[in-house]
Amino acid sequence: MIDPNFLQNNKQQLIQIYIKERMMNHNQVGALFIDFSKGDNADVYFLTLQNMPEEIQKRFLEKENLNQKNTIFFYTFDKTNSNIIEIVL
């Protein structure tokens, strides 16, 4: 189950991870994936747009603000649900 408390309590740290990972990936557009499918812990990792699974990539390509530098994307998912969260800095 996607834990909204985890997202709220760790929002600033997640933003910093996103920024660091995007810089390490030559500023390529991407998202911080937050995987809640394994129980109590969340796995967090960054994928560039070109490394995302095709069905998820299509959802991101529909975003109008995808290339704006002041927008951060989180992709949260568990075994049954997934969401794209946009944070404008």
PDB file of N, CA and C in Angstrom:
ATOM      1  N   MET A   1       0.835  -1.183   0.000  1.00  0.00           N
ATOM      2  CA  MET A   1       0.000   0.000   0.000  1.00  0.00           C
ATOM      3  C   MET A   1       0.882   1.250   0.000  1.00  0.00           C
ATOM      4  N   ILE A   2       0.528   2.209  -0.825  1.00  0.00           N
ATOM      5  CA  ILE A   2       1.277   3.466  -0.879  1.00  0.00           C
ATOM      6  C   ILE A   2       1.049   4.215   0.428  1.00  0.00           C
ATOM      7  N   ASP A   3       2.129   4.590   1.072  1.00  0.00           N
ATOM      8  CA  ASP A   3       2.063   5.231   2.388  1.00  0.00           C
ATOM      9  C   ASP A   3       2.211   6.743   2.247  1.00  0.00           C
ATOM     10  N   PRO A   4       1.097   7.495   2.332  1.00  0.00           N
ATOM     11  CA  PRO A   4       1.189   8.953   2.211  1.00  0.00           C
ATOM     12  C   PRO A   4       2.016   9.599   3.322  1.00  0.00           C
ATOM     13  N   ASN A   5       2.058   8.956   4.495  1.00  0.00           N
ATOM     14  CA  ASN A   5       2.873   9.488   5.590  1.00  0.00           C
ATOM     15  C   ASN A   5       4.353   9.431   5.242  1.00  0.00           C
ATOM     16  N   PHE A   6       4.777   8.356   4.584  1.00  0.00           N
ATOM     17  CA  PHE A   6       6.174   8.252   4.158  1.00  0.00           C
ATOM     18  C   PHE A   6       6.517   9.401   3.214  1.00  0.00           C
ATOM     19  N   LEU A   7       5.634   9.660   2.280  1.00  0.00           N
ATOM     20  CA  LEU A   7       5.880  10.735   1.313  1.00  0.00           C
ATOM     21  C   LEU A   7       5.947  12.086   2.007  1.00  0.00           C
ATOM     22  N   GLN A   8       5.008  12.345   2.889  1.00  0.00           N
ATOM     23  CA  GLN A   8       4.981  13.636   3.587  1.00  0.00           C
ATOM     24  C   GLN A   8       6.178  13.777   4.531  1.00  0.00           C
ATOM     25  N   ASN A   9       6.481  12.750   5.292  1.00  0.00           N
ATOM     26  CA  ASN A   9       7.567  12.824   6.271  1.00  0.00           C
ATOM     27  C   ASN A   9       8.950  12.892   5.632  1.00  0.00           C
ATOM     28  N   ASN A  10       9.074  12.408   4.411  1.00  0.00           N
ATOM     29  CA  ASN A  10      10.379  12.359   3.741  1.00  0.00           C
ATOM     30  C   ASN A  10      10.441  13.225   2.486  1.00  0.00           C
ATOM     31  N   LYS A  11       9.508  14.131   2.337  1.00  0.00           N
ATOM     32  CA  LYS A  11       9.400  14.927   1.113  1.00  0.00           C
ATOM     33  C   LYS A  11      10.700  15.653   0.765  1.00  0.00           C
ATOM     34  N   GLN A  12      11.294  16.337   1.720  1.00  0.00           N
ATOM     35  CA  GLN A  12      12.517  17.098   1.431  1.00  0.00           C
ATOM     36  C   GLN A  12      13.678  16.183   1.060  1.00  0.00           C
ATOM     37  N   GLN A  13      13.808  15.061   1.749  1.00  0.00           N
ATOM     38  CA  GLN A  13      14.879  14.114   1.413  1.00  0.00           C
ATOM     39  C   GLN A  13      14.658  13.524   0.016  1.00  0.00           C
ATOM     40  N   LEU A  14      13.412  13.216  -0.325  1.00  0.00           N
ATOM     41  CA  LEU A  14      13.101  12.672  -1.648  1.00  0.00           C
ATOM     42  C   LEU A  14      13.397  13.693  -2.751  1.00  0.00           C
ATOM     43  N   ILE A  15      13.094  14.947  -2.486  1.00  0.00           N
ATOM     44  CA  ILE A  15      13.407  16.008  -3.452  1.00  0.00           C
ATOM     45  C   ILE A  15      14.916  16.089  -3.651  1.00  0.00           C
ATOM     46  N   GLN A  16      15.674  16.025  -2.570  1.00  0.00           N
ATOM     47  CA  GLN A  16      17.136  16.090  -2.682  1.00  0.00           C
ATOM     48  C   GLN A  16      17.694  14.881  -3.448  1.00  0.00           C
ATOM     49  N   ILE A  17      17.123  13.707  -3.224  1.00  0.00           N
ATOM     50  CA  ILE A  17      17.551  12.512  -3.975  1.00  0.00           C
ATOM     51  C   ILE A  17      17.267  12.723  -5.458  1.00  0.00           C
ATOM     52  N   TYR A  18      16.082  13.234  -5.781  1.00  0.00           N
ATOM     53  CA  TYR A  18      15.717  13.484  -7.175  1.00  0.00           C
ATOM     54  C   TYR A  18      16.722  14.426  -7.838  1.00  0.00           C
ATOM     55  N   ILE A  19      17.006  15.536  -7.179  1.00  0.00           N
ATOM     56  CA  ILE A  19      17.933  16.532  -7.739  1.00  0.00           C
ATOM     57  C   ILE A  19      19.307  15.925  -7.956  1.00  0.00           C
ATOM     58  N   LYS A  20      19.818  15.206  -6.968  1.00  0.00           N
ATOM     59  CA  LYS A  20      21.134  14.573  -7.073  1.00  0.00           C
ATOM     60  C   LYS A  20      21.166  13.558  -8.214  1.00  0.00           C
ATOM     61  N   GLU A  21      20.152  12.707  -8.283  1.00  0.00           N
ATOM     62  CA  GLU A  21      20.109  11.678  -9.316  1.00  0.00           C
ATOM     63  C   GLU A  21      19.971  12.275 -10.711  1.00  0.00           C
ATOM     64  N   ARG A  22      19.173  13.328 -10.828  1.00  0.00           N
ATOM     65  CA  ARG A  22      19.020  13.960 -12.142  1.00  0.00           C
ATOM     66  C   ARG A  22      20.344  14.565 -12.588  1.00  0.00           C
ATOM     67  N   MET A  23      21.060  15.193 -11.681  1.00  0.00           N
ATOM     68  CA  MET A  23      22.368  15.759 -12.019  1.00  0.00           C
ATOM     69  C   MET A  23      23.341  14.655 -12.425  1.00  0.00           C
ATOM     70  N   MET A  24      23.308  13.522 -11.720  1.00  0.00           N
ATOM     71  CA  MET A  24      24.207  12.410 -12.038  1.00  0.00           C
ATOM     72  C   MET A  24      23.873  11.782 -13.393  1.00  0.00           C
ATOM     73  N   ASN A  25      22.653  11.995 -13.868  1.00  0.00           N
ATOM     74  CA  ASN A  25      22.213  11.474 -15.155  1.00  0.00           C
ATOM     75  C   ASN A  25      22.200  12.575 -16.215  1.00  0.00           C
ATOM     76  N   HIS A  26      23.141  13.512 -16.103  1.00  0.00           N
ATOM     77  CA  HIS A  26      23.348  14.575 -17.092  1.00  0.00           C
ATOM     78  C   HIS A  26      22.096  15.403 -17.322  1.00  0.00           C
ATOM     79  N   ASN A  27      21.344  15.634 -16.270  1.00  0.00           N
ATOM     80  CA  ASN A  27      20.142  16.469 -16.277  1.00  0.00           C
ATOM     81  C   ASN A  27      19.051  15.951 -17.213  1.00  0.00           C
ATOM     82  N   GLN A  28      19.058  14.651 -17.474  1.00  0.00           N
ATOM     83  CA  GLN A  28      18.006  14.061 -18.303  1.00  0.00           C
ATOM     84  C   GLN A  28      16.684  14.036 -17.534  1.00  0.00           C
ATOM     85  N   VAL A  29      15.598  14.189 -18.266  1.00  0.00           N
ATOM     86  CA  VAL A  29      14.275  14.128 -17.672  1.00  0.00           C
ATOM     87  C   VAL A  29      14.041  12.724 -17.123  1.00  0.00           C
ATOM     88  N   GLY A  30      13.462  12.662 -15.931  1.00  0.00           N
ATOM     89  CA  GLY A  30      13.186  11.375 -15.316  1.00  0.00           C
ATOM     90  C   GLY A  30      12.275  11.532 -14.120  1.00  0.00           C
ATOM     91  N   ALA A  31      12.173  10.475 -13.345  1.00  0.00           N
ATOM     92  CA  ALA A  31      11.319  10.489 -12.162  1.00  0.00           C
ATOM     93  C   ALA A  31      11.951   9.648 -11.068  1.00  0.00           C
ATOM     94  N   LEU A  32      11.625  10.005  -9.847  1.00  0.00           N
ATOM     95  CA  LEU A  32      12.020   9.209  -8.695  1.00  0.00           C
ATOM     96  C   LEU A  32      10.929   8.174  -8.476  1.00  0.00           C
ATOM     97  N   PHE A  33      11.276   6.915  -8.641  1.00  0.00           N
ATOM     98  CA  PHE A  33      10.326   5.824  -8.446  1.00  0.00           C
ATOM     99  C   PHE A  33      10.348   5.428  -6.980  1.00  0.00           C
ATOM    100  N   ILE A  34       9.165   5.338  -6.390  1.00  0.00           N
ATOM    101  CA  ILE A  34       9.034   4.974  -4.988  1.00  0.00           C
ATOM    102  C   ILE A  34       8.136   3.739  -4.934  1.00  0.00           C
ATOM    103  N   ASP A  35       8.759   2.603  -4.644  1.00  0.00           N
ATOM    104  CA  ASP A  35       8.120   1.290  -4.736  1.00  0.00           C
ATOM    105  C   ASP A  35       7.681   0.825  -3.351  1.00  0.00           C
ATOM    106  N   PHE A  36       6.364   0.752  -3.162  1.00  0.00           N
ATOM    107  CA  PHE A  36       5.783   0.297  -1.900  1.00  0.00           C
ATOM    108  C   PHE A  36       5.299  -1.148  -1.985  1.00  0.00           C
ATOM    109  N   SER A  37       5.690  -1.878  -3.013  1.00  0.00           N
ATOM    110  CA  SER A  37       5.130  -3.214  -3.235  1.00  0.00           C
ATOM    111  C   SER A  37       5.745  -4.305  -2.358  1.00  0.00           C
ATOM    112  N   LYS A  38       6.786  -3.984  -1.609  1.00  0.00           N
ATOM    113  CA  LYS A  38       7.483  -5.021  -0.848  1.00  0.00           C
ATOM    114  C   LYS A  38       7.226  -4.963   0.650  1.00  0.00           C
ATOM    115  N   GLY A  39       6.113  -4.424   1.040  1.00  0.00           N
ATOM    116  CA  GLY A  39       5.793  -4.423   2.464  1.00  0.00           C
ATOM    117  C   GLY A  39       6.012  -3.073   3.119  1.00  0.00           C
ATOM    118  N   ASP A  40       6.646  -3.092   4.304  1.00  0.00           N
ATOM    119  CA  ASP A  40       6.772  -1.888   5.114  1.00  0.00           C
ATOM    120  C   ASP A  40       7.808  -0.899   4.597  1.00  0.00           C
ATOM    121  N   ASN A  41       8.784  -1.362   3.828  1.00  0.00           N
ATOM    122  CA  ASN A  41       9.840  -0.480   3.339  1.00  0.00           C
ATOM    123  C   ASN A  41       9.532  -0.001   1.930  1.00  0.00           C
ATOM    124  N   ALA A  42      10.023   1.187   1.615  1.00  0.00           N
ATOM    125  CA  ALA A  42       9.886   1.718   0.258  1.00  0.00           C
ATOM    126  C   ALA A  42      11.257   1.690  -0.411  1.00  0.00           C
ATOM    127  N   ASP A  43      11.308   1.164  -1.620  1.00  0.00           N
ATOM    128  CA  ASP A  43      12.524   1.234  -2.433  1.00  0.00           C
ATOM    129  C   ASP A  43      12.438   2.490  -3.276  1.00  0.00           C
ATOM    130  N   VAL A  44      13.528   3.253  -3.306  1.00  0.00           N
ATOM    131  CA  VAL A  44      13.550   4.522  -4.021  1.00  0.00           C
ATOM    132  C   VAL A  44      14.680   4.485  -5.039  1.00  0.00           C
ATOM    133  N   TYR A  45      14.356   4.821  -6.285  1.00  0.00           N
ATOM    134  CA  TYR A  45      15.376   4.862  -7.334  1.00  0.00           C
ATOM    135  C   TYR A  45      14.933   5.814  -8.437  1.00  0.00           C
ATOM    136  N   PHE A  46      15.894   6.308  -9.197  1.00  0.00           N
ATOM    137  CA  PHE A  46      15.639   7.266 -10.267  1.00  0.00           C
ATOM    138  C   PHE A  46      15.764   6.565 -11.612  1.00  0.00           C
ATOM    139  N   LEU A  47      14.808   6.832 -12.497  1.00  0.00           N
ATOM    140  CA  LEU A  47      14.897   6.352 -13.868  1.00  0.00           C
ATOM    141  C   LEU A  47      14.734   7.521 -14.826  1.00  0.00           C
ATOM    142  N   THR A  48      15.607   7.593 -15.820  1.00  0.00           N
ATOM    143  CA  THR A  48      15.420   8.596 -16.868  1.00  0.00           C
ATOM    144  C   THR A  48      14.251   8.154 -17.733  1.00  0.00           C
ATOM    145  N   LEU A  49      13.711   9.091 -18.475  1.00  0.00           N
ATOM    146  CA  LEU A  49      12.566   8.803 -19.327  1.00  0.00           C
ATOM    147  C   LEU A  49      12.860   7.634 -20.265  1.00  0.00           C
ATOM    148  N   GLN A  50      14.045   7.613 -20.847  1.00  0.00           N
ATOM    149  CA  GLN A  50      14.351   6.558 -21.808  1.00  0.00           C
ATOM    150  C   GLN A  50      14.575   5.188 -21.170  1.00  0.00           C
ATOM    151  N   ASN A  51      14.783   5.138 -19.856  1.00  0.00           N
ATOM    152  CA  ASN A  51      14.968   3.858 -19.169  1.00  0.00           C
ATOM    153  C   ASN A  51      13.697   3.332 -18.500  1.00  0.00           C
ATOM    154  N   MET A  52      12.612   4.093 -18.598  1.00  0.00           N
ATOM    155  CA  MET A  52      11.348   3.675 -17.983  1.00  0.00           C
ATOM    156  C   MET A  52      10.687   2.591 -18.829  1.00  0.00           C
ATOM    157  N   PRO A  53       9.916   1.716 -18.180  1.00  0.00           N
ATOM    158  CA  PRO A  53       9.096   0.790 -18.959  1.00  0.00           C
ATOM    159  C   PRO A  53       8.173   1.573 -19.897  1.00  0.00           C
ATOM    160  N   GLU A  54       7.905   1.029 -21.056  1.00  0.00           N
ATOM    161  CA  GLU A  54       7.194   1.755 -22.110  1.00  0.00           C
ATOM    162  C   GLU A  54       5.838   2.307 -21.665  1.00  0.00           C
ATOM    163  N   GLU A  55       5.061   1.528 -20.934  1.00  0.00           N
ATOM    164  CA  GLU A  55       3.734   1.992 -20.523  1.00  0.00           C
ATOM    165  C   GLU A  55       3.821   3.183 -19.562  1.00  0.00           C
ATOM    166  N   ILE A  56       4.825   3.188 -18.714  1.00  0.00           N
ATOM    167  CA  ILE A  56       5.011   4.315 -17.787  1.00  0.00           C
ATOM    168  C   ILE A  56       5.557   5.514 -18.550  1.00  0.00           C
ATOM    169  N   GLN A  57       6.479   5.282 -19.451  1.00  0.00           N
ATOM    170  CA  GLN A  57       7.047   6.346 -20.270  1.00  0.00           C
ATOM    171  C   GLN A  57       5.940   7.094 -21.025  1.00  0.00           C
ATOM    172  N   LYS A  58       4.975   6.373 -21.561  1.00  0.00           N
ATOM    173  CA  LYS A  58       3.860   7.001 -22.290  1.00  0.00           C
ATOM    174  C   LYS A  58       3.068   7.935 -21.382  1.00  0.00           C
ATOM    175  N   ARG A  59       2.861   7.534 -20.140  1.00  0.00           N
ATOM    176  CA  ARG A  59       2.137   8.400 -19.189  1.00  0.00           C
ATOM    177  C   ARG A  59       2.908   9.688 -18.938  1.00  0.00           C
ATOM    178  N   PHE A  60       4.229   9.583 -18.839  1.00  0.00           N
ATOM    179  CA  PHE A  60       5.040  10.786 -18.616  1.00  0.00           C
ATOM    180  C   PHE A  60       5.060  11.676 -19.845  1.00  0.00           C
ATOM    181  N   LEU A  61       5.096  11.102 -21.014  1.00  0.00           N
ATOM    182  CA  LEU A  61       5.135  11.897 -22.244  1.00  0.00           C
ATOM    183  C   LEU A  61       3.864  12.719 -22.446  1.00  0.00           C
ATOM    184  N   GLU A  62       2.787  12.361 -21.772  1.00  0.00           N
ATOM    185  CA  GLU A  62       1.541  13.122 -21.832  1.00  0.00           C
ATOM    186  C   GLU A  62       1.588  14.382 -20.971  1.00  0.00           C
ATOM    187  N   LYS A  63       2.575  14.483 -20.098  1.00  0.00           N
ATOM    188  CA  LYS A  63       2.678  15.627 -19.190  1.00  0.00           C
ATOM    189  C   LYS A  63       3.137  16.869 -19.947  1.00  0.00           C
ATOM    190  N   GLU A  64       2.399  17.971 -19.794  1.00  0.00           N
ATOM    191  CA  GLU A  64       2.737  19.218 -20.478  1.00  0.00           C
ATOM    192  C   GLU A  64       3.989  19.870 -19.903  1.00  0.00           C
ATOM    193  N   ASN A  65       4.230  19.666 -18.626  1.00  0.00           N
ATOM    194  CA  ASN A  65       5.350  20.334 -17.956  1.00  0.00           C
ATOM    195  C   ASN A  65       6.559  19.409 -17.794  1.00  0.00           C
ATOM    196  N   LEU A  66       6.661  18.399 -18.616  1.00  0.00           N
ATOM    197  CA  LEU A  66       7.706  17.393 -18.476  1.00  0.00           C
ATOM    198  C   LEU A  66       9.112  17.981 -18.555  1.00  0.00           C
ATOM    199  N   ASN A  67       9.319  18.969 -19.390  1.00  0.00           N
ATOM    200  CA  ASN A  67      10.659  19.531 -19.583  1.00  0.00           C
ATOM    201  C   ASN A  67      10.933  20.785 -18.761  1.00  0.00           C
ATOM    202  N   GLN A  68      10.029  21.153 -17.881  1.00  0.00           N
ATOM    203  CA  GLN A  68      10.264  22.315 -17.035  1.00  0.00           C
ATOM    204  C   GLN A  68      11.240  21.946 -15.934  1.00  0.00           C
ATOM    205  N   LYS A  69      12.256  22.753 -15.777  1.00  0.00           N
ATOM    206  CA  LYS A  69      13.308  22.460 -14.798  1.00  0.00           C
ATOM    207  C   LYS A  69      12.839  22.632 -13.351  1.00  0.00           C
ATOM    208  N   ASN A  70      11.737  23.342 -13.136  1.00  0.00           N
ATOM    209  CA  ASN A  70      11.267  23.579 -11.771  1.00  0.00           C
ATOM    210  C   ASN A  70      10.224  22.560 -11.320  1.00  0.00           C
ATOM    211  N   THR A  71      10.057  21.472 -12.074  1.00  0.00           N
ATOM    212  CA  THR A  71       9.085  20.445 -11.713  1.00  0.00           C
ATOM    213  C   THR A  71       9.801  19.120 -11.456  1.00  0.00           C
ATOM    214  N   ILE A  72       9.458  18.519 -10.334  1.00  0.00           N
ATOM    215  CA  ILE A  72      10.019  17.230  -9.933  1.00  0.00           C
ATOM    216  C   ILE A  72       8.907  16.200 -10.033  1.00  0.00           C
ATOM    217  N   PHE A  73       9.264  15.010 -10.515  1.00  0.00           N
ATOM    218  CA  PHE A  73       8.282  13.943 -10.658  1.00  0.00           C
ATOM    219  C   PHE A  73       8.634  12.760  -9.769  1.00  0.00           C
ATOM    220  N   PHE A  74       7.610  12.293  -9.046  1.00  0.00           N
ATOM    221  CA  PHE A  74       7.698  11.048  -8.303  1.00  0.00           C
ATOM    222  C   PHE A  74       6.712  10.082  -8.955  1.00  0.00           C
ATOM    223  N   TYR A  75       7.115   8.837  -9.083  1.00  0.00           N
ATOM    224  CA  TYR A  75       6.207   7.787  -9.550  1.00  0.00           C
ATOM    225  C   TYR A  75       6.076   6.801  -8.406  1.00  0.00           C
ATOM    226  N   THR A  76       4.922   6.816  -7.754  1.00  0.00           N
ATOM    227  CA  THR A  76       4.704   5.935  -6.607  1.00  0.00           C
ATOM    228  C   THR A  76       3.855   4.751  -7.049  1.00  0.00           C
ATOM    229  N   PHE A  77       4.189   3.585  -6.519  1.00  0.00           N
ATOM    230  CA  PHE A  77       3.401   2.410  -6.893  1.00  0.00           C
ATOM    231  C   PHE A  77       3.503   1.325  -5.838  1.00  0.00           C
ATOM    232  N   ASP A  78       2.480   0.477  -5.855  1.00  0.00           N
ATOM    233  CA  ASP A  78       2.487  -0.749  -5.062  1.00  0.00           C
ATOM    234  C   ASP A  78       1.991  -1.866  -5.973  1.00  0.00           C
ATOM    235  N   LYS A  79       1.486  -2.931  -5.433  1.00  0.00           N
ATOM    236  CA  LYS A  79       1.084  -4.061  -6.269  1.00  0.00           C
ATOM    237  C   LYS A  79      -0.173  -3.795  -7.092  1.00  0.00           C
ATOM    238  N   THR A  80      -0.972  -2.801  -6.688  1.00  0.00           N
ATOM    239  CA  THR A  80      -2.247  -2.552  -7.391  1.00  0.00           C
ATOM    240  C   THR A  80      -2.426  -1.135  -7.922  1.00  0.00           C
ATOM    241  N   ASN A  81      -1.722  -0.159  -7.363  1.00  0.00           N
ATOM    242  CA  ASN A  81      -1.931   1.246  -7.730  1.00  0.00           C
ATOM    243  C   ASN A  81      -0.632   1.915  -8.144  1.00  0.00           C
ATOM    244  N   SER A  82      -0.764   2.945  -8.968  1.00  0.00           N
ATOM    245  CA  SER A  82       0.396   3.780  -9.316  1.00  0.00           C
ATOM    246  C   SER A  82      -0.069   5.213  -9.514  1.00  0.00           C
ATOM    247  N   ASN A  83       0.815   6.161  -9.189  1.00  0.00           N
ATOM    248  CA  ASN A  83       0.496   7.576  -9.304  1.00  0.00           C
ATOM    249  C   ASN A  83       1.738   8.347  -9.756  1.00  0.00           C
ATOM    250  N   ILE A  84       1.492   9.373 -10.544  1.00  0.00           N
ATOM    251  CA  ILE A  84       2.539  10.333 -10.859  1.00  0.00           C
ATOM    252  C   ILE A  84       2.266  11.560 -10.012  1.00  0.00           C
ATOM    253  N   ILE A  85       3.249  11.944  -9.233  1.00  0.00           N
ATOM    254  CA  ILE A  85       3.146  13.129  -8.381  1.00  0.00           C
ATOM    255  C   ILE A  85       4.075  14.185  -8.944  1.00  0.00           C
ATOM    256  N   GLU A  86       3.541  15.375  -9.179  1.00  0.00           N
ATOM    257  CA  GLU A  86       4.330  16.496  -9.678  1.00  0.00           C
ATOM    258  C   GLU A  86       4.511  17.505  -8.546  1.00  0.00           C
ATOM    259  N   ILE A  87       5.746  17.921  -8.342  1.00  0.00           N
ATOM    260  CA  ILE A  87       6.044  18.939  -7.340  1.00  0.00           C
ATOM    261  C   ILE A  87       6.710  20.107  -8.043  1.00  0.00           C
ATOM    262  N   VAL A  88       6.080  21.263  -7.986  1.00  0.00           N
ATOM    263  CA  VAL A  88       6.647  22.467  -8.571  1.00  0.00           C
ATOM    264  C   VAL A  88       7.435  23.183  -7.485  1.00  0.00           C
ATOM    265  N   LEU A  89       8.694  23.429  -7.772  1.00  0.00           N
ATOM    266  CA  LEU A  89       9.556  24.093  -6.793  1.00  0.00           C
ATOM    267  C   LEU A  89       9.450  25.604  -6.915  1.00  0.00           C
TER     268      LEU A  89
END
